[in-house]
Amino acid sequence: LPVDKLAHCLMFFPFPILFFCMVWKKDRSIWKEFLIIPASIIIGTILAYLTEELQALTQYRTSDIYDLYADSIGLYLGSLVIIMHLVIRILRKK
């Protein structure tokens, strides 16, 4: 596992969590909160793609599809944390 791919994964890991915290509302249905997850993945993927495309425009950086894959893995792992949080909240209400 190359270190730079791990760095990409770790950079995008907190994105869904921070996005969730930013748009979370206390009085919202817990089931509607699950809709935040795909939104954070879509927005995070767009940002990851744009950063790779912008790197391709510079003379000192290169664009790498595997960086985008690593970014996506980070997004999915961060989303799993949110899913676990929501599932625990649902189980506590029962």
C-alpha atoms as a PDB file:
ATOM      1  CA  LEU A   1       0.000   0.000   0.000  1.00  0.00           C
ATOM      2  CA  PRO A   2       1.720   3.198  -1.151  1.00  0.00           C
ATOM      3  CA  VAL A   3       1.903   5.896   1.501  1.00  0.00           C
ATOM      4  CA  ASP A   4       0.450   8.566  -0.785  1.00  0.00           C
ATOM      5  CA  LYS A   5      -2.693   6.472  -1.358  1.00  0.00           C
ATOM      6  CA  LEU A   6      -3.091   6.062   2.395  1.00  0.00           C
ATOM      7  CA  ALA A   7      -2.718   9.835   2.757  1.00  0.00           C
ATOM      8  CA  HIS A   8      -5.443  10.395   0.152  1.00  0.00           C
ATOM      9  CA  CYS A   9      -7.736   7.974   1.981  1.00  0.00           C
ATOM     10  CA  LEU A  10      -7.119   9.665   5.320  1.00  0.00           C
ATOM     11  CA  MET A  11      -7.653  13.140   3.845  1.00  0.00           C
ATOM     12  CA  PHE A  12     -11.143  12.263   2.628  1.00  0.00           C
ATOM     13  CA  PHE A  13     -12.152  10.058   5.576  1.00  0.00           C
ATOM     14  CA  PRO A  14     -13.432  12.953   7.744  1.00  0.00           C
ATOM     15  CA  PHE A  15     -15.336  14.638   4.889  1.00  0.00           C
ATOM     16  CA  PRO A  16     -18.641  12.718   5.295  1.00  0.00           C
ATOM     17  CA  ILE A  17     -18.460  13.048   9.077  1.00  0.00           C
ATOM     18  CA  LEU A  18     -17.877  16.802   8.939  1.00  0.00           C
ATOM     19  CA  PHE A  19     -20.537  17.188   6.251  1.00  0.00           C
ATOM     20  CA  PHE A  20     -23.001  15.265   8.426  1.00  0.00           C
ATOM     21  CA  CYS A  21     -22.213  17.461  11.438  1.00  0.00           C
ATOM     22  CA  MET A  22     -22.625  20.574   9.320  1.00  0.00           C
ATOM     23  CA  VAL A  23     -26.126  19.752   7.993  1.00  0.00           C
ATOM     24  CA  TRP A  24     -27.474  17.739  10.944  1.00  0.00           C
ATOM     25  CA  LYS A  25     -30.632  19.053  12.648  1.00  0.00           C
ATOM     26  CA  LYS A  26     -31.843  17.812  15.996  1.00  0.00           C
ATOM     27  CA  ASP A  27     -35.520  17.656  15.057  1.00  0.00           C
ATOM     28  CA  ARG A  28     -35.021  15.842  11.723  1.00  0.00           C
ATOM     29  CA  SER A  29     -36.222  12.270  11.334  1.00  0.00           C
ATOM     30  CA  ILE A  30     -33.396   9.786  11.729  1.00  0.00           C
ATOM     31  CA  TRP A  31     -34.399   8.184   8.436  1.00  0.00           C
ATOM     32  CA  LYS A  32     -33.944  11.503   6.635  1.00  0.00           C
ATOM     33  CA  GLU A  33     -30.467  11.713   8.130  1.00  0.00           C
ATOM     34  CA  PHE A  34     -29.528   8.649   6.091  1.00  0.00           C
ATOM     35  CA  LEU A  35     -30.042  10.803   2.972  1.00  0.00           C
ATOM     36  CA  ILE A  36     -27.100  12.935   4.058  1.00  0.00           C
ATOM     37  CA  ILE A  37     -24.752  10.022   3.371  1.00  0.00           C
ATOM     38  CA  PRO A  38     -25.197   9.792  -0.430  1.00  0.00           C
ATOM     39  CA  ALA A  39     -25.090  13.583  -0.651  1.00  0.00           C
ATOM     40  CA  SER A  40     -21.740  13.675   1.160  1.00  0.00           C
ATOM     41  CA  ILE A  41     -20.349  10.901  -1.047  1.00  0.00           C
ATOM     42  CA  ILE A  42     -21.442  12.657  -4.241  1.00  0.00           C
ATOM     43  CA  ILE A  43     -20.066  16.041  -3.178  1.00  0.00           C
ATOM     44  CA  GLY A  44     -16.856  14.456  -1.868  1.00  0.00           C
ATOM     45  CA  THR A  45     -16.345  12.528  -5.101  1.00  0.00           C
ATOM     46  CA  ILE A  46     -16.839  15.687  -7.143  1.00  0.00           C
ATOM     47  CA  LEU A  47     -14.259  17.486  -5.007  1.00  0.00           C
ATOM     48  CA  ALA A  48     -11.813  14.587  -5.315  1.00  0.00           C
ATOM     49  CA  TYR A  49     -12.263  14.511  -9.097  1.00  0.00           C
ATOM     50  CA  LEU A  50     -11.782  18.269  -9.370  1.00  0.00           C
ATOM     51  CA  THR A  51      -8.576  18.180  -7.340  1.00  0.00           C
ATOM     52  CA  GLU A  52      -7.193  15.472  -9.620  1.00  0.00           C
ATOM     53  CA  GLU A  53      -8.144  17.427 -12.735  1.00  0.00           C
ATOM     54  CA  LEU A  54      -6.621  20.616 -11.345  1.00  0.00           C
ATOM     55  CA  GLN A  55      -3.406  18.762 -10.564  1.00  0.00           C
ATOM     56  CA  ALA A  56      -3.224  17.689 -14.199  1.00  0.00           C
ATOM     57  CA  LEU A  57      -3.205  21.365 -15.197  1.00  0.00           C
ATOM     58  CA  THR A  58      -0.108  22.147 -13.154  1.00  0.00           C
ATOM     59  CA  GLN A  59       3.433  21.520 -14.314  1.00  0.00           C
ATOM     60  CA  TYR A  60       4.670  20.028 -11.057  1.00  0.00           C
ATOM     61  CA  ARG A  61       1.805  17.625 -10.204  1.00  0.00           C
ATOM     62  CA  THR A  62       0.224  14.713 -12.018  1.00  0.00           C
ATOM     63  CA  SER A  63      -3.276  13.321 -12.025  1.00  0.00           C
ATOM     64  CA  ASP A  64      -3.680   9.710 -10.943  1.00  0.00           C
ATOM     65  CA  ILE A  65      -6.899   7.687 -11.122  1.00  0.00           C
ATOM     66  CA  TYR A  66      -5.696   5.609  -8.166  1.00  0.00           C
ATOM     67  CA  ASP A  67      -5.652   8.762  -6.049  1.00  0.00           C
ATOM     68  CA  LEU A  68      -9.325   9.191  -6.892  1.00  0.00           C
ATOM     69  CA  TYR A  69      -9.952   5.575  -5.869  1.00  0.00           C
ATOM     70  CA  ALA A  70      -8.160   6.147  -2.561  1.00  0.00           C
ATOM     71  CA  ASP A  71     -10.188   9.323  -1.983  1.00  0.00           C
ATOM     72  CA  SER A  72     -13.377   7.345  -2.621  1.00  0.00           C
ATOM     73  CA  ILE A  73     -12.359   4.639  -0.151  1.00  0.00           C
ATOM     74  CA  GLY A  74     -11.852   7.361   2.452  1.00  0.00           C
ATOM     75  CA  LEU A  75     -15.313   8.741   1.703  1.00  0.00           C
ATOM     76  CA  TYR A  76     -16.899   5.305   2.065  1.00  0.00           C
ATOM     77  CA  LEU A  77     -15.099   4.572   5.334  1.00  0.00           C
ATOM     78  CA  GLY A  78     -16.192   7.927   6.742  1.00  0.00           C
ATOM     79  CA  SER A  79     -19.738   7.154   5.638  1.00  0.00           C
ATOM     80  CA  LEU A  80     -19.596   3.834   7.482  1.00  0.00           C
ATOM     81  CA  VAL A  81     -18.898   5.735  10.696  1.00  0.00           C
ATOM     82  CA  ILE A  82     -22.052   7.792  10.154  1.00  0.00           C
ATOM     83  CA  ILE A  83     -24.087   4.681   9.347  1.00  0.00           C
ATOM     84  CA  MET A  84     -22.885   3.000  12.548  1.00  0.00           C
ATOM     85  CA  HIS A  85     -23.786   6.137  14.510  1.00  0.00           C
ATOM     86  CA  LEU A  86     -27.303   6.220  13.046  1.00  0.00           C
ATOM     87  CA  VAL A  87     -27.867   2.497  13.583  1.00  0.00           C
ATOM     88  CA  ILE A  88     -26.810   2.817  17.234  1.00  0.00           C
ATOM     89  CA  ARG A  89     -29.253   5.703  17.636  1.00  0.00           C
ATOM     90  CA  ILE A  90     -32.053   3.609  16.141  1.00  0.00           C
ATOM     91  CA  LEU A  91     -31.258   0.646  18.398  1.00  0.00           C
ATOM     92  CA  ARG A  92     -31.199   2.852  21.505  1.00  0.00           C
ATOM     93  CA  LYS A  93     -34.706   4.121  20.753  1.00  0.00           C
ATOM     94  CA  LYS A  94     -36.122   0.578  20.792  1.00  0.00           C
END
